[in-house]
Amino acid sequence: MSETAKVVQSNPVAVTLTDIYTVPNGSRFAGAMTIINRDSAVPTNFRVSVALAGAADSNEQYLAYDEYLAPSQRKRIHVGPIPQTAVVRVYATLATLSFNLMGIEY
């Protein structure tokens, strides 16, 4: 079984749940996500979910929900291991957030 380092970056549109990564069929993923508020004056909130087999959005999928980020603050959350065909999604109340998903696809 081979391992591949993955880095996925996103600056999603405000108030839009956005797919940023789908685990390939036959693989798994484990890593971490860093979220940073690039605005130096305005706080905002974010969400991160994992949808098994790309299922429609539902409450049980959330790893973080309306987490607060102060101006220029960052947070890191563990993501995985997650199975094949799962979809990682992000959401930001403002378009000032950068999401960086880093880990190993195996």
PDB file of N, CA and C in Angstrom:
ATOM      1  N   MET A   1       0.848  -1.178   0.000  1.00  0.00           N
ATOM      2  CA  MET A   1       0.000   0.000   0.000  1.00  0.00           C
ATOM      3  C   MET A   1       0.892   1.239   0.000  1.00  0.00           C
ATOM      4  N   SER A   2       0.686   2.116  -0.937  1.00  0.00           N
ATOM      5  CA  SER A   2       1.510   3.316  -1.022  1.00  0.00           C
ATOM      6  C   SER A   2       0.869   4.462  -0.251  1.00  0.00           C
ATOM      7  N   GLU A   3       1.693   5.391   0.137  1.00  0.00           N
ATOM      8  CA  GLU A   3       1.238   6.589   0.832  1.00  0.00           C
ATOM      9  C   GLU A   3       1.583   7.809  -0.002  1.00  0.00           C
ATOM     10  N   THR A   4       0.662   8.776  -0.019  1.00  0.00           N
ATOM     11  CA  THR A   4       0.865  10.002  -0.765  1.00  0.00           C
ATOM     12  C   THR A   4       0.570  11.182   0.136  1.00  0.00           C
ATOM     13  N   ALA A   5       1.524  12.100   0.231  1.00  0.00           N
ATOM     14  CA  ALA A   5       1.290  13.326   0.999  1.00  0.00           C
ATOM     15  C   ALA A   5       0.311  14.205   0.230  1.00  0.00           C
ATOM     16  N   LYS A   6      -0.661  14.756   0.943  1.00  0.00           N
ATOM     17  CA  LYS A   6      -1.673  15.621   0.327  1.00  0.00           C
ATOM     18  C   LYS A   6      -1.698  16.967   1.027  1.00  0.00           C
ATOM     19  N   VAL A   7      -1.821  18.014   0.233  1.00  0.00           N
ATOM     20  CA  VAL A   7      -2.066  19.366   0.733  1.00  0.00           C
ATOM     21  C   VAL A   7      -3.205  19.932  -0.108  1.00  0.00           C
ATOM     22  N   VAL A   8      -4.295  20.280   0.563  1.00  0.00           N
ATOM     23  CA  VAL A   8      -5.460  20.842  -0.110  1.00  0.00           C
ATOM     24  C   VAL A   8      -5.747  22.187   0.526  1.00  0.00           C
ATOM     25  N   GLN A   9      -5.869  23.225  -0.296  1.00  0.00           N
ATOM     26  CA  GLN A   9      -6.082  24.581   0.209  1.00  0.00           C
ATOM     27  C   GLN A   9      -7.365  25.167  -0.361  1.00  0.00           C
ATOM     28  N   SER A  10      -8.070  25.943   0.492  1.00  0.00           N
ATOM     29  CA  SER A  10      -9.311  26.546   0.042  1.00  0.00           C
ATOM     30  C   SER A  10      -9.543  27.889   0.725  1.00  0.00           C
ATOM     31  N   ASN A  11     -10.074  28.820  -0.041  1.00  0.00           N
ATOM     32  CA  ASN A  11     -10.558  30.113   0.454  1.00  0.00           C
ATOM     33  C   ASN A  11     -12.007  30.216  -0.036  1.00  0.00           C
ATOM     34  N   PRO A  12     -12.931  29.559   0.688  1.00  0.00           N
ATOM     35  CA  PRO A  12     -14.297  29.451   0.176  1.00  0.00           C
ATOM     36  C   PRO A  12     -15.062  30.771   0.177  1.00  0.00           C
ATOM     37  N   VAL A  13     -16.051  30.818  -0.673  1.00  0.00           N
ATOM     38  CA  VAL A  13     -16.990  31.937  -0.709  1.00  0.00           C
ATOM     39  C   VAL A  13     -17.739  31.952   0.621  1.00  0.00           C
ATOM     40  N   ALA A  14     -18.071  33.120   1.135  1.00  0.00           N
ATOM     41  CA  ALA A  14     -18.787  33.236   2.403  1.00  0.00           C
ATOM     42  C   ALA A  14     -20.139  32.525   2.344  1.00  0.00           C
ATOM     43  N   VAL A  15     -20.528  31.980   3.483  1.00  0.00           N
ATOM     44  CA  VAL A  15     -21.810  31.293   3.727  1.00  0.00           C
ATOM     45  C   VAL A  15     -22.174  30.248   2.667  1.00  0.00           C
ATOM     46  N   THR A  16     -21.168  29.504   2.208  1.00  0.00           N
ATOM     47  CA  THR A  16     -21.384  28.452   1.221  1.00  0.00           C
ATOM     48  C   THR A  16     -20.631  27.198   1.646  1.00  0.00           C
ATOM     49  N   LEU A  17     -21.349  26.109   1.905  1.00  0.00           N
ATOM     50  CA  LEU A  17     -20.701  24.843   2.215  1.00  0.00           C
ATOM     51  C   LEU A  17     -19.977  24.363   0.959  1.00  0.00           C
ATOM     52  N   THR A  18     -18.668  24.134   1.080  1.00  0.00           N
ATOM     53  CA  THR A  18     -17.817  23.887  -0.078  1.00  0.00           C
ATOM     54  C   THR A  18     -17.061  22.568   0.061  1.00  0.00           C
ATOM     55  N   ASP A  19     -17.170  21.688  -0.928  1.00  0.00           N
ATOM     56  CA  ASP A  19     -16.372  20.460  -0.969  1.00  0.00           C
ATOM     57  C   ASP A  19     -14.928  20.851  -1.280  1.00  0.00           C
ATOM     58  N   ILE A  20     -13.980  20.388  -0.438  1.00  0.00           N
ATOM     59  CA  ILE A  20     -12.580  20.695  -0.747  1.00  0.00           C
ATOM     60  C   ILE A  20     -11.737  19.456  -1.044  1.00  0.00           C
ATOM     61  N   TYR A  21     -12.220  18.269  -0.625  1.00  0.00           N
ATOM     62  CA  TYR A  21     -11.423  17.068  -0.873  1.00  0.00           C
ATOM     63  C   TYR A  21     -12.319  15.839  -0.805  1.00  0.00           C
ATOM     64  N   THR A  22     -12.131  14.939  -1.762  1.00  0.00           N
ATOM     65  CA  THR A  22     -12.800  13.642  -1.756  1.00  0.00           C
ATOM     66  C   THR A  22     -11.730  12.565  -1.706  1.00  0.00           C
ATOM     67  N   VAL A  23     -11.839  11.670  -0.733  1.00  0.00           N
ATOM     68  CA  VAL A  23     -10.870  10.577  -0.614  1.00  0.00           C
ATOM     69  C   VAL A  23     -11.091   9.632  -1.799  1.00  0.00           C
ATOM     70  N   PRO A  24     -10.034   9.334  -2.555  1.00  0.00           N
ATOM     71  CA  PRO A  24     -10.186   8.458  -3.718  1.00  0.00           C
ATOM     72  C   PRO A  24     -10.678   7.062  -3.333  1.00  0.00           C
ATOM     73  N   ASN A  25     -11.376   6.439  -4.257  1.00  0.00           N
ATOM     74  CA  ASN A  25     -11.830   5.069  -4.061  1.00  0.00           C
ATOM     75  C   ASN A  25     -10.614   4.175  -3.819  1.00  0.00           C
ATOM     76  N   GLY A  26     -10.686   3.324  -2.814  1.00  0.00           N
ATOM     77  CA  GLY A  26      -9.577   2.427  -2.496  1.00  0.00           C
ATOM     78  C   GLY A  26      -8.531   3.027  -1.581  1.00  0.00           C
ATOM     79  N   SER A  27      -8.741   4.254  -1.088  1.00  0.00           N
ATOM     80  CA  SER A  27      -7.781   4.926  -0.210  1.00  0.00           C
ATOM     81  C   SER A  27      -8.450   5.368   1.082  1.00  0.00           C
ATOM     82  N   ARG A  28      -7.627   5.803   2.013  1.00  0.00           N
ATOM     83  CA  ARG A  28      -8.066   6.457   3.250  1.00  0.00           C
ATOM     84  C   ARG A  28      -7.225   7.712   3.404  1.00  0.00           C
ATOM     85  N   PHE A  29      -7.648   8.581   4.310  1.00  0.00           N
ATOM     86  CA  PHE A  29      -6.911   9.817   4.560  1.00  0.00           C
ATOM     87  C   PHE A  29      -6.848  10.086   6.053  1.00  0.00           C
ATOM     88  N   ALA A  30      -5.706  10.567   6.512  1.00  0.00           N
ATOM     89  CA  ALA A  30      -5.553  11.015   7.897  1.00  0.00           C
ATOM     90  C   ALA A  30      -4.644  12.236   7.894  1.00  0.00           C
ATOM     91  N   GLY A  31      -5.002  13.237   8.690  1.00  0.00           N
ATOM     92  CA  GLY A  31      -4.186  14.441   8.752  1.00  0.00           C
ATOM     93  C   GLY A  31      -4.778  15.471   9.690  1.00  0.00           C
ATOM     94  N   ALA A  32      -4.527  16.714   9.366  1.00  0.00           N
ATOM     95  CA  ALA A  32      -5.006  17.830  10.183  1.00  0.00           C
ATOM     96  C   ALA A  32      -5.363  18.993   9.268  1.00  0.00           C
ATOM     97  N   MET A  33      -6.215  19.854   9.781  1.00  0.00           N
ATOM     98  CA  MET A  33      -6.602  21.048   9.042  1.00  0.00           C
ATOM     99  C   MET A  33      -6.276  22.272   9.894  1.00  0.00           C
ATOM    100  N   THR A  34      -5.638  23.245   9.249  1.00  0.00           N
ATOM    101  CA  THR A  34      -5.391  24.533   9.885  1.00  0.00           C
ATOM    102  C   THR A  34      -6.296  25.550   9.226  1.00  0.00           C
ATOM    103  N   ILE A  35      -6.989  26.329  10.072  1.00  0.00           N
ATOM    104  CA  ILE A  35      -7.898  27.363   9.591  1.00  0.00           C
ATOM    105  C   ILE A  35      -7.391  28.684  10.143  1.00  0.00           C
ATOM    106  N   ILE A  36      -7.252  29.686   9.275  1.00  0.00           N
ATOM    107  CA  ILE A  36      -6.756  30.984   9.718  1.00  0.00           C
ATOM    108  C   ILE A  36      -7.680  32.093   9.230  1.00  0.00           C
ATOM    109  N   ASN A  37      -7.905  33.057  10.120  1.00  0.00           N
ATOM    110  CA  ASN A  37      -8.679  34.249   9.770  1.00  0.00           C
ATOM    111  C   ASN A  37      -7.678  35.302   9.310  1.00  0.00           C
ATOM    112  N   ARG A  38      -7.661  35.591   8.025  1.00  0.00           N
ATOM    113  CA  ARG A  38      -6.690  36.541   7.472  1.00  0.00           C
ATOM    114  C   ARG A  38      -7.033  37.995   7.784  1.00  0.00           C
ATOM    115  N   ASP A  39      -8.240  38.262   8.235  1.00  0.00           N
ATOM    116  CA  ASP A  39      -8.656  39.636   8.543  1.00  0.00           C
ATOM    117  C   ASP A  39      -8.054  40.055   9.884  1.00  0.00           C
ATOM    118  N   SER A  40      -7.463  41.213   9.935  1.00  0.00           N
ATOM    119  CA  SER A  40      -6.824  41.670  11.171  1.00  0.00           C
ATOM    120  C   SER A  40      -7.772  42.448  12.085  1.00  0.00           C
ATOM    121  N   ALA A  41      -9.044  42.600  11.689  1.00  0.00           N
ATOM    122  CA  ALA A  41      -9.962  43.391  12.502  1.00  0.00           C
ATOM    123  C   ALA A  41     -11.300  42.727  12.801  1.00  0.00           C
ATOM    124  N   VAL A  42     -11.729  41.755  11.994  1.00  0.00           N
ATOM    125  CA  VAL A  42     -13.085  41.222  12.108  1.00  0.00           C
ATOM    126  C   VAL A  42     -13.073  39.732  12.454  1.00  0.00           C
ATOM    127  N   PRO A  43     -13.740  39.334  13.545  1.00  0.00           N
ATOM    128  CA  PRO A  43     -13.860  37.906  13.854  1.00  0.00           C
ATOM    129  C   PRO A  43     -14.840  37.227  12.906  1.00  0.00           C
ATOM    130  N   THR A  44     -14.765  35.911  12.841  1.00  0.00           N
ATOM    131  CA  THR A  44     -15.690  35.138  12.008  1.00  0.00           C
ATOM    132  C   THR A  44     -15.829  33.734  12.580  1.00  0.00           C
ATOM    133  N   ASN A  45     -16.620  32.895  11.926  1.00  0.00           N
ATOM    134  CA  ASN A  45     -16.855  31.522  12.365  1.00  0.00           C
ATOM    135  C   ASN A  45     -16.651  30.570  11.198  1.00  0.00           C
ATOM    136  N   PHE A  46     -16.401  29.290  11.537  1.00  0.00           N
ATOM    137  CA  PHE A  46     -16.222  28.289  10.486  1.00  0.00           C
ATOM    138  C   PHE A  46     -16.857  26.970  10.884  1.00  0.00           C
ATOM    139  N   ARG A  47     -17.010  26.105   9.861  1.00  0.00           N
ATOM    140  CA  ARG A  47     -17.495  24.742  10.039  1.00  0.00           C
ATOM    141  C   ARG A  47     -16.628  23.801   9.199  1.00  0.00           C
ATOM    142  N   VAL A  48     -16.478  22.564   9.690  1.00  0.00           N
ATOM    143  CA  VAL A  48     -15.780  21.515   8.942  1.00  0.00           C
ATOM    144  C   VAL A  48     -16.593  20.238   9.106  1.00  0.00           C
ATOM    145  N   SER A  49     -16.878  19.563   7.989  1.00  0.00           N
ATOM    146  CA  SER A  49     -17.617  18.302   8.069  1.00  0.00           C
ATOM    147  C   SER A  49     -16.970  17.242   7.197  1.00  0.00           C
ATOM    148  N   VAL A  50     -17.296  15.985   7.512  1.00  0.00           N
ATOM    149  CA  VAL A  50     -16.872  14.845   6.717  1.00  0.00           C
ATOM    150  C   VAL A  50     -18.125  14.051   6.366  1.00  0.00           C
ATOM    151  N   ALA A  51     -18.437  13.983   5.083  1.00  0.00           N
ATOM    152  CA  ALA A  51     -19.626  13.291   4.594  1.00  0.00           C
ATOM    153  C   ALA A  51     -19.227  11.931   4.040  1.00  0.00           C
ATOM    154  N   LEU A  52     -19.610  10.873   4.728  1.00  0.00           N
ATOM    155  CA  LEU A  52     -19.298   9.525   4.256  1.00  0.00           C
ATOM    156  C   LEU A  52     -19.973   9.283   2.919  1.00  0.00           C
ATOM    157  N   ALA A  53     -19.201   8.776   1.976  1.00  0.00           N
ATOM    158  CA  ALA A  53     -19.679   8.484   0.621  1.00  0.00           C
ATOM    159  C   ALA A  53     -20.330   9.699  -0.036  1.00  0.00           C
ATOM    160  N   GLY A  54     -19.922  10.900   0.372  1.00  0.00           N
ATOM    161  CA  GLY A  54     -20.451  12.121  -0.236  1.00  0.00           C
ATOM    162  C   GLY A  54     -21.907  12.387   0.073  1.00  0.00           C
ATOM    163  N   ALA A  55     -22.393  11.877   1.199  1.00  0.00           N
ATOM    164  CA  ALA A  55     -23.799  12.043   1.579  1.00  0.00           C
ATOM    165  C   ALA A  55     -24.172  13.517   1.680  1.00  0.00           C
ATOM    166  N   ALA A  56     -25.469  13.779   1.566  1.00  0.00           N
ATOM    167  CA  ALA A  56     -25.972  15.146   1.740  1.00  0.00           C
ATOM    168  C   ALA A  56     -25.628  15.645   3.144  1.00  0.00           C
ATOM    169  N   ASP A  57     -25.497  16.951   3.289  1.00  0.00           N
ATOM    170  CA  ASP A  57     -25.144  17.573   4.561  1.00  0.00           C
ATOM    171  C   ASP A  57     -26.128  17.176   5.667  1.00  0.00           C
ATOM    172  N   SER A  58     -25.593  16.780   6.841  1.00  0.00           N
ATOM    173  CA  SER A  58     -26.427  16.464   8.001  1.00  0.00           C
ATOM    174  C   SER A  58     -25.633  16.697   9.281  1.00  0.00           C
ATOM    175  N   ASN A  59     -26.328  16.847  10.381  1.00  0.00           N
ATOM    176  CA  ASN A  59     -25.729  17.274  11.651  1.00  0.00           C
ATOM    177  C   ASN A  59     -24.593  16.384  12.147  1.00  0.00           C
ATOM    178  N   GLU A  60     -24.700  15.077  11.976  1.00  0.00           N
ATOM    179  CA  GLU A  60     -23.699  14.171  12.546  1.00  0.00           C
ATOM    180  C   GLU A  60     -22.343  14.246  11.850  1.00  0.00           C
ATOM    181  N   GLN A  61     -22.234  14.905  10.732  1.00  0.00           N
ATOM    182  CA  GLN A  61     -20.986  14.959   9.968  1.00  0.00           C
ATOM    183  C   GLN A  61     -19.971  15.975  10.503  1.00  0.00           C
ATOM    184  N   TYR A  62     -20.366  16.863  11.385  1.00  0.00           N
ATOM    185  CA  TYR A  62     -19.523  18.009  11.732  1.00  0.00           C
ATOM    186  C   TYR A  62     -18.434  17.690  12.738  1.00  0.00           C
ATOM    187  N   LEU A  63     -17.202  18.086  12.390  1.00  0.00           N
ATOM    188  CA  LEU A  63     -16.061  18.050  13.301  1.00  0.00           C
ATOM    189  C   LEU A  63     -15.953  19.371  14.045  1.00  0.00           C
ATOM    190  N   ALA A  64     -16.414  20.439  13.420  1.00  0.00           N
ATOM    191  CA  ALA A  64     -16.437  21.785  14.023  1.00  0.00           C
ATOM    192  C   ALA A  64     -17.663  22.496  13.461  1.00  0.00           C
ATOM    193  N   TYR A  65     -18.387  23.214  14.337  1.00  0.00           N
ATOM    194  CA  TYR A  65     -19.602  23.891  13.895  1.00  0.00           C
ATOM    195  C   TYR A  65     -19.667  25.280  14.523  1.00  0.00           C
ATOM    196  N   ASP A  66     -19.626  26.290  13.683  1.00  0.00           N
ATOM    197  CA  ASP A  66     -19.642  27.682  14.112  1.00  0.00           C
ATOM    198  C   ASP A  66     -18.573  27.989  15.160  1.00  0.00           C
ATOM    199  N   GLU A  67     -17.381  27.430  14.926  1.00  0.00           N
ATOM    200  CA  GLU A  67     -16.224  27.730  15.775  1.00  0.00           C
ATOM    201  C   GLU A  67     -15.789  29.171  15.551  1.00  0.00           C
ATOM    202  N   TYR A  68     -15.505  29.869  16.612  1.00  0.00           N
ATOM    203  CA  TYR A  68     -15.130  31.286  16.571  1.00  0.00           C
ATOM    204  C   TYR A  68     -13.648  31.433  16.247  1.00  0.00           C
ATOM    205  N   LEU A  69     -13.322  32.370  15.355  1.00  0.00           N
ATOM    206  CA  LEU A  69     -11.932  32.738  15.065  1.00  0.00           C
ATOM    207  C   LEU A  69     -11.798  34.246  15.198  1.00  0.00           C
ATOM    208  N   ALA A  70     -10.986  34.664  16.135  1.00  0.00           N
ATOM    209  CA  ALA A  70     -10.715  36.088  16.312  1.00  0.00           C
ATOM    210  C   ALA A  70      -9.887  36.604  15.136  1.00  0.00           C
ATOM    211  N   PRO A  71      -9.767  37.894  14.981  1.00  0.00           N
ATOM    212  CA  PRO A  71      -8.921  38.447  13.920  1.00  0.00           C
ATOM    213  C   PRO A  71      -7.497  37.887  13.997  1.00  0.00           C
ATOM    214  N   SER A  72      -6.973  37.468  12.868  1.00  0.00           N
ATOM    215  CA  SER A  72      -5.613  36.928  12.728  1.00  0.00           C
ATOM    216  C   SER A  72      -5.366  35.638  13.512  1.00  0.00           C
ATOM    217  N   GLN A  73      -6.393  35.037  14.052  1.00  0.00           N
ATOM    218  CA  GLN A  73      -6.248  33.800  14.818  1.00  0.00           C
ATOM    219  C   GLN A  73      -6.265  32.590  13.889  1.00  0.00           C
ATOM    220  N   ARG A  74      -5.663  31.475  14.352  1.00  0.00           N
ATOM    221  CA  ARG A  74      -5.743  30.217  13.626  1.00  0.00           C
ATOM    222  C   ARG A  74      -6.096  29.101  14.591  1.00  0.00           C
ATOM    223  N   LYS A  75      -6.711  28.052  14.049  1.00  0.00           N
ATOM    224  CA  LYS A  75      -7.034  26.848  14.817  1.00  0.00           C
ATOM    225  C   LYS A  75      -6.642  25.648  13.987  1.00  0.00           C
ATOM    226  N   ARG A  76      -6.353  24.580  14.683  1.00  0.00           N
ATOM    227  CA  ARG A  76      -5.984  23.335  14.008  1.00  0.00           C
ATOM    228  C   ARG A  76      -6.881  22.228  14.541  1.00  0.00           C
ATOM    229  N   ILE A  77      -7.417  21.406  13.635  1.00  0.00           N
ATOM    230  CA  ILE A  77      -8.240  20.287  14.056  1.00  0.00           C
ATOM    231  C   ILE A  77      -7.762  19.008  13.372  1.00  0.00           C
ATOM    232  N   HIS A  78      -7.885  17.909  14.083  1.00  0.00           N
ATOM    233  CA  HIS A  78      -7.518  16.598  13.552  1.00  0.00           C
ATOM    234  C   HIS A  78      -8.596  16.138  12.577  1.00  0.00           C
ATOM    235  N   VAL A  79      -8.189  15.557  11.453  1.00  0.00           N
ATOM    236  CA  VAL A  79      -9.124  15.051  10.454  1.00  0.00           C
ATOM    237  C   VAL A  79      -8.693  13.630  10.090  1.00  0.00           C
ATOM    238  N   GLY A  80      -9.479  12.652  10.486  1.00  0.00           N
ATOM    239  CA  GLY A  80      -9.223  11.291  10.049  1.00  0.00           C
ATOM    240  C   GLY A  80      -8.848  10.352  11.165  1.00  0.00           C
ATOM    241  N   PRO A  81      -8.677   9.093  10.816  1.00  0.00           N
ATOM    242  CA  PRO A  81      -8.719   8.600   9.448  1.00  0.00           C
ATOM    243  C   PRO A  81     -10.135   8.588   8.892  1.00  0.00           C
ATOM    244  N   ILE A  82     -10.245   8.898   7.623  1.00  0.00           N
ATOM    245  CA  ILE A  82     -11.543   8.878   6.966  1.00  0.00           C
ATOM    246  C   ILE A  82     -11.483   7.927   5.769  1.00  0.00           C
ATOM    247  N   PRO A  83     -12.603   7.245   5.484  1.00  0.00           N
ATOM    248  CA  PRO A  83     -12.600   6.197   4.468  1.00  0.00           C
ATOM    249  C   PRO A  83     -12.758   6.711   3.041  1.00  0.00           C
ATOM    250  N   GLN A  84     -12.598   5.795   2.127  1.00  0.00           N
ATOM    251  CA  GLN A  84     -12.734   6.084   0.701  1.00  0.00           C
ATOM    252  C   GLN A  84     -14.070   6.747   0.389  1.00  0.00           C
ATOM    253  N   THR A  85     -14.054   7.619  -0.556  1.00  0.00           N
ATOM    254  CA  THR A  85     -15.193   8.376  -1.102  1.00  0.00           C
ATOM    255  C   THR A  85     -15.824   9.358  -0.125  1.00  0.00           C
ATOM    256  N   ALA A  86     -15.263   9.515   1.077  1.00  0.00           N
ATOM    257  CA  ALA A  86     -15.758  10.540   1.997  1.00  0.00           C
ATOM    258  C   ALA A  86     -15.352  11.916   1.467  1.00  0.00           C
ATOM    259  N   VAL A  87     -16.184  12.919   1.744  1.00  0.00           N
ATOM    260  CA  VAL A  87     -15.950  14.274   1.256  1.00  0.00           C
ATOM    261  C   VAL A  87     -15.748  15.212   2.445  1.00  0.00           C
ATOM    262  N   VAL A  88     -14.640  15.965   2.420  1.00  0.00           N
ATOM    263  CA  VAL A  88     -14.380  16.983   3.439  1.00  0.00           C
ATOM    264  C   VAL A  88     -14.961  18.290   2.923  1.00  0.00           C
ATOM    265  N   ARG A  89     -15.780  18.935   3.770  1.00  0.00           N
ATOM    266  CA  ARG A  89     -16.429  20.193   3.393  1.00  0.00           C
ATOM    267  C   ARG A  89     -16.117  21.264   4.423  1.00  0.00           C
ATOM    268  N   VAL A  90     -16.065  22.515   3.946  1.00  0.00           N
ATOM    269  CA  VAL A  90     -15.810  23.655   4.826  1.00  0.00           C
ATOM    270  C   VAL A  90     -16.837  24.753   4.574  1.00  0.00           C
ATOM    271  N   TYR A  91     -16.952  25.637   5.553  1.00  0.00           N
ATOM    272  CA  TYR A  91     -17.914  26.739   5.498  1.00  0.00           C
ATOM    273  C   TYR A  91     -17.332  27.883   6.318  1.00  0.00           C
ATOM    274  N   ALA A  92     -17.475  29.096   5.836  1.00  0.00           N
ATOM    275  CA  ALA A  92     -17.000  30.275   6.557  1.00  0.00           C
ATOM    276  C   ALA A  92     -18.075  31.359   6.508  1.00  0.00           C
ATOM    277  N   THR A  93     -18.263  32.063   7.612  1.00  0.00           N
ATOM    278  CA  THR A  93     -19.266  33.131   7.598  1.00  0.00           C
ATOM    279  C   THR A  93     -18.778  34.352   6.833  1.00  0.00           C
ATOM    280  N   LEU A  94     -17.462  34.511   6.705  1.00  0.00           N
ATOM    281  CA  LEU A  94     -16.865  35.559   5.882  1.00  0.00           C
ATOM    282  C   LEU A  94     -15.844  34.917   4.949  1.00  0.00           C
ATOM    283  N   ALA A  95     -15.525  35.576   3.863  1.00  0.00           N
ATOM    284  CA  ALA A  95     -14.561  35.031   2.894  1.00  0.00           C
ATOM    285  C   ALA A  95     -13.124  35.366   3.266  1.00  0.00           C
ATOM    286  N   THR A  96     -12.861  35.508   4.560  1.00  0.00           N
ATOM    287  CA  THR A  96     -11.517  35.855   5.028  1.00  0.00           C
ATOM    288  C   THR A  96     -10.775  34.664   5.628  1.00  0.00           C
ATOM    289  N   LEU A  97     -11.305  33.464   5.442  1.00  0.00           N
ATOM    290  CA  LEU A  97     -10.676  32.285   6.024  1.00  0.00           C
ATOM    291  C   LEU A  97      -9.925  31.475   4.978  1.00  0.00           C
ATOM    292  N   SER A  98      -8.779  30.961   5.382  1.00  0.00           N
ATOM    293  CA  SER A  98      -8.017  30.008   4.579  1.00  0.00           C
ATOM    294  C   SER A  98      -8.048  28.676   5.302  1.00  0.00           C
ATOM    295  N   PHE A  99      -8.376  27.616   4.560  1.00  0.00           N
ATOM    296  CA  PHE A  99      -8.405  26.251   5.084  1.00  0.00           C
ATOM    297  C   PHE A  99      -7.275  25.481   4.424  1.00  0.00           C
ATOM    298  N   ASN A 100      -6.429  24.842   5.226  1.00  0.00           N
ATOM    299  CA  ASN A 100      -5.323  24.039   4.709  1.00  0.00           C
ATOM    300  C   ASN A 100      -5.413  22.646   5.305  1.00  0.00           C
ATOM    301  N   LEU A 101      -5.731  21.670   4.465  1.00  0.00           N
ATOM    302  CA  LEU A 101      -5.836  20.272   4.861  1.00  0.00           C
ATOM    303  C   LEU A 101      -4.549  19.574   4.457  1.00  0.00           C
ATOM    304  N   MET A 102      -3.848  18.989   5.422  1.00  0.00           N
ATOM    305  CA  MET A 102      -2.568  18.342   5.152  1.00  0.00           C
ATOM    306  C   MET A 102      -2.541  16.973   5.811  1.00  0.00           C
ATOM    307  N   GLY A 103      -2.081  15.974   5.063  1.00  0.00           N
ATOM    308  CA  GLY A 103      -2.016  14.653   5.639  1.00  0.00           C
ATOM    309  C   GLY A 103      -1.548  13.625   4.636  1.00  0.00           C
ATOM    310  N   ILE A 104      -1.895  12.371   4.929  1.00  0.00           N
ATOM    311  CA  ILE A 104      -1.459  11.242   4.131  1.00  0.00           C
ATOM    312  C   ILE A 104      -2.666  10.502   3.577  1.00  0.00           C
ATOM    313  N   GLU A 105      -2.630  10.267   2.288  1.00  0.00           N
ATOM    314  CA  GLU A 105      -3.601   9.412   1.619  1.00  0.00           C
ATOM    315  C   GLU A 105      -2.932   8.040   1.519  1.00  0.00           C
ATOM    316  N   TYR A 106      -3.609   7.021   2.015  1.00  0.00           N
ATOM    317  CA  TYR A 106      -2.990   5.686   2.030  1.00  0.00           C
ATOM    318  C   TYR A 106      -3.985   4.607   1.656  1.00  0.00           C
TER     319      TYR A 106
END
